[in-house]
N, C-alpha and C. Protein backbone atom coordinates (compact mmCIF):
# COMPACT_ATOMS: atom_id res chain seq x y z
N UNK A 1 109.12 97.67 97.33
CA UNK A 1 108.41 98.77 97.97
C UNK A 1 109.03 99.05 99.34
N UNK A 2 109.05 100.30 99.68
CA UNK A 2 109.57 100.74 100.96
C UNK A 2 108.47 100.62 102.00
N UNK A 3 108.83 100.04 103.13
CA UNK A 3 107.86 99.83 104.20
C UNK A 3 108.33 100.52 105.48
N UNK A 4 107.42 100.73 106.44
CA UNK A 4 107.77 101.46 107.66
C UNK A 4 108.80 100.76 108.53
N UNK A 5 108.90 99.46 108.43
CA UNK A 5 109.82 98.72 109.30
C UNK A 5 111.21 98.50 108.69
N UNK A 6 111.44 99.04 107.48
CA UNK A 6 112.77 98.94 106.87
C UNK A 6 113.75 99.85 107.62
N UNK A 7 114.98 99.37 107.80
CA UNK A 7 116.02 100.21 108.40
C UNK A 7 116.38 101.32 107.42
N UNK A 8 116.67 102.48 107.95
CA UNK A 8 117.01 103.62 107.11
C UNK A 8 118.21 103.32 106.22
N UNK A 9 119.23 102.70 106.78
CA UNK A 9 120.41 102.36 106.00
C UNK A 9 120.07 101.43 104.84
N UNK A 10 119.18 100.50 105.07
CA UNK A 10 118.74 99.58 104.01
C UNK A 10 118.08 100.35 102.87
N UNK A 11 117.28 101.36 103.23
CA UNK A 11 116.62 102.17 102.20
C UNK A 11 117.65 102.92 101.38
N UNK A 12 118.64 103.55 102.03
CA UNK A 12 119.67 104.30 101.30
C UNK A 12 120.47 103.41 100.37
N UNK A 13 120.82 102.21 100.86
CA UNK A 13 121.64 101.32 100.06
C UNK A 13 120.88 100.72 98.88
N UNK A 14 119.63 100.35 99.11
CA UNK A 14 118.83 99.73 98.05
C UNK A 14 118.21 100.76 97.10
N UNK A 15 117.89 101.92 97.62
CA UNK A 15 117.20 102.94 96.85
C UNK A 15 117.85 104.31 97.05
N UNK A 16 119.04 104.52 96.52
CA UNK A 16 119.74 105.79 96.75
C UNK A 16 118.98 107.01 96.25
N UNK A 17 118.08 106.82 95.32
CA UNK A 17 117.30 107.96 94.82
C UNK A 17 116.37 108.54 95.89
N UNK A 18 116.15 107.82 96.99
CA UNK A 18 115.29 108.33 98.06
C UNK A 18 115.98 109.36 98.93
N UNK A 19 117.29 109.48 98.83
CA UNK A 19 118.02 110.44 99.65
C UNK A 19 117.50 111.86 99.41
N UNK A 20 117.14 112.17 98.18
CA UNK A 20 116.60 113.50 97.90
C UNK A 20 115.24 113.71 98.55
N UNK A 21 114.47 112.64 98.74
CA UNK A 21 113.18 112.76 99.43
C UNK A 21 113.42 113.07 100.91
N UNK A 22 114.38 112.37 101.52
CA UNK A 22 114.73 112.68 102.91
C UNK A 22 115.12 114.14 103.04
N UNK A 23 115.94 114.62 102.11
CA UNK A 23 116.40 116.01 102.15
C UNK A 23 115.22 116.98 102.01
N UNK A 24 114.29 116.65 101.15
CA UNK A 24 113.12 117.50 100.95
C UNK A 24 112.34 117.68 102.24
N UNK A 25 112.30 116.63 103.07
CA UNK A 25 111.60 116.68 104.34
C UNK A 25 112.47 117.20 105.47
N UNK A 26 113.68 117.64 105.14
CA UNK A 26 114.58 118.19 106.15
C UNK A 26 115.24 117.15 107.03
N UNK A 27 115.32 115.92 106.54
CA UNK A 27 115.89 114.82 107.32
C UNK A 27 117.31 114.54 106.86
N UNK A 28 118.24 114.54 107.80
CA UNK A 28 119.64 114.26 107.48
C UNK A 28 119.98 112.81 107.82
N UNK A 29 119.03 111.93 107.66
CA UNK A 29 119.20 110.52 108.02
C UNK A 29 120.40 109.84 107.36
N UNK A 30 120.73 110.12 106.11
CA UNK A 30 121.87 109.43 105.51
C UNK A 30 123.19 109.68 106.26
N UNK A 31 123.31 110.78 106.96
CA UNK A 31 124.53 111.07 107.71
C UNK A 31 124.44 110.72 109.18
N UNK A 32 123.35 110.13 109.60
CA UNK A 32 123.12 109.84 111.02
C UNK A 32 123.64 108.45 111.38
N UNK A 33 124.30 108.36 112.52
CA UNK A 33 124.83 107.07 112.96
C UNK A 33 123.73 106.09 113.35
N UNK A 34 122.54 106.57 113.61
CA UNK A 34 121.43 105.68 113.97
C UNK A 34 120.76 105.04 112.76
N UNK A 35 121.12 105.48 111.56
CA UNK A 35 120.49 104.95 110.34
C UNK A 35 120.66 103.44 110.20
N UNK A 36 121.72 102.90 110.76
CA UNK A 36 121.95 101.46 110.68
C UNK A 36 120.98 100.68 111.57
N UNK A 37 120.35 101.37 112.51
CA UNK A 37 119.50 100.69 113.48
C UNK A 37 118.04 101.12 113.44
N UNK A 38 117.79 102.40 113.14
CA UNK A 38 116.43 102.93 113.16
C UNK A 38 115.64 102.53 111.92
N UNK A 39 114.35 102.34 112.12
CA UNK A 39 113.45 102.07 111.00
C UNK A 39 112.91 103.39 110.47
N UNK A 40 112.32 103.32 109.31
CA UNK A 40 111.70 104.51 108.72
C UNK A 40 110.63 105.05 109.65
N UNK A 41 109.85 104.17 110.23
CA UNK A 41 108.78 104.59 111.13
C UNK A 41 109.33 105.35 112.33
N UNK A 42 110.36 104.81 112.97
CA UNK A 42 110.94 105.48 114.15
C UNK A 42 111.60 106.80 113.77
N UNK A 43 112.29 106.83 112.63
CA UNK A 43 112.93 108.06 112.19
C UNK A 43 111.93 109.16 111.91
N UNK A 44 110.85 108.81 111.23
CA UNK A 44 109.81 109.80 110.91
C UNK A 44 109.17 110.32 112.20
N UNK A 45 108.88 109.41 113.11
CA UNK A 45 108.25 109.81 114.37
C UNK A 45 109.18 110.71 115.18
N UNK A 46 110.45 110.37 115.24
CA UNK A 46 111.42 111.15 116.01
C UNK A 46 111.57 112.57 115.49
N UNK A 47 111.34 112.76 114.18
CA UNK A 47 111.50 114.09 113.58
C UNK A 47 110.18 114.77 113.26
N UNK A 48 109.07 114.17 113.69
CA UNK A 48 107.76 114.78 113.49
C UNK A 48 107.31 114.85 112.04
N UNK A 49 107.74 113.85 111.26
CA UNK A 49 107.37 113.80 109.85
C UNK A 49 106.24 112.79 109.67
N UNK A 50 105.27 113.13 108.85
CA UNK A 50 104.13 112.25 108.58
C UNK A 50 104.63 111.04 107.79
N UNK A 51 104.58 109.88 108.40
CA UNK A 51 105.13 108.65 107.84
C UNK A 51 104.52 108.28 106.50
N UNK A 52 103.22 108.31 106.39
CA UNK A 52 102.55 107.87 105.16
C UNK A 52 102.94 108.76 103.99
N UNK A 53 102.98 110.07 104.21
CA UNK A 53 103.37 110.99 103.13
C UNK A 53 104.81 110.74 102.70
N UNK A 54 105.71 110.57 103.67
CA UNK A 54 107.11 110.31 103.38
C UNK A 54 107.26 109.00 102.60
N UNK A 55 106.62 107.97 103.08
CA UNK A 55 106.72 106.66 102.45
C UNK A 55 106.11 106.66 101.05
N UNK A 56 104.97 107.34 100.90
CA UNK A 56 104.34 107.42 99.58
C UNK A 56 105.25 108.12 98.57
N UNK A 57 105.89 109.21 99.01
CA UNK A 57 106.77 109.93 98.09
C UNK A 57 108.01 109.10 97.75
N UNK A 58 108.53 108.39 98.73
CA UNK A 58 109.69 107.53 98.47
C UNK A 58 109.33 106.43 97.48
N UNK A 59 108.20 105.78 97.68
CA UNK A 59 107.78 104.71 96.78
C UNK A 59 107.51 105.24 95.38
N UNK A 60 106.97 106.44 95.28
CA UNK A 60 106.75 107.05 93.96
C UNK A 60 108.09 107.34 93.29
N UNK A 61 109.06 107.80 94.06
CA UNK A 61 110.39 108.09 93.52
C UNK A 61 111.05 106.81 93.04
N UNK A 62 110.93 105.75 93.80
CA UNK A 62 111.53 104.47 93.42
C UNK A 62 110.86 103.93 92.16
N UNK A 63 109.55 104.05 92.08
CA UNK A 63 108.80 103.56 90.93
C UNK A 63 109.17 104.33 89.67
N UNK A 64 109.42 105.64 89.80
CA UNK A 64 109.74 106.49 88.65
C UNK A 64 111.18 106.30 88.17
N UNK A 65 112.06 105.83 89.06
CA UNK A 65 113.48 105.70 88.71
C UNK A 65 113.67 104.60 87.67
N UNK A 66 114.53 104.87 86.75
CA UNK A 66 114.85 103.85 85.76
C UNK A 66 115.78 102.84 86.40
N UNK A 67 115.93 101.63 85.84
CA UNK A 67 116.85 100.65 86.40
C UNK A 67 118.28 101.17 86.50
N UNK A 68 118.72 101.97 85.57
CA UNK A 68 120.08 102.51 85.62
C UNK A 68 120.24 103.45 86.81
N UNK A 69 119.22 104.25 87.11
CA UNK A 69 119.29 105.16 88.25
C UNK A 69 119.25 104.38 89.55
N UNK A 70 118.45 103.34 89.60
CA UNK A 70 118.30 102.57 90.83
C UNK A 70 119.57 101.83 91.21
N UNK A 71 120.41 101.49 90.24
CA UNK A 71 121.60 100.70 90.53
C UNK A 71 122.90 101.43 90.28
N UNK A 72 122.83 102.69 90.01
CA UNK A 72 124.11 103.24 89.76
C UNK A 72 124.30 104.65 89.71
C-alpha cells in the first residue's frame, strides 16, 4: 500500500502504474529532480492536491493492476 511518507521515486519504481494517476492530477513528479527526496505528502501539499484523494486513487490503481502490469 502507498503511504504518505513514501518517497515519490519509490512509488514510481515500485508502482509504475501510478504515474497515470499523478498525470491525472496535473503532477509532473516523475520528471522532477526532487522526486528522489520528497514524500507523497510533501509533494501533494506543495502542489495543492488533496493527499487522501490522491493516495486513495493510487492504492486503488495498484490493487486493480495485475501482477504482470505491476512488474513490467
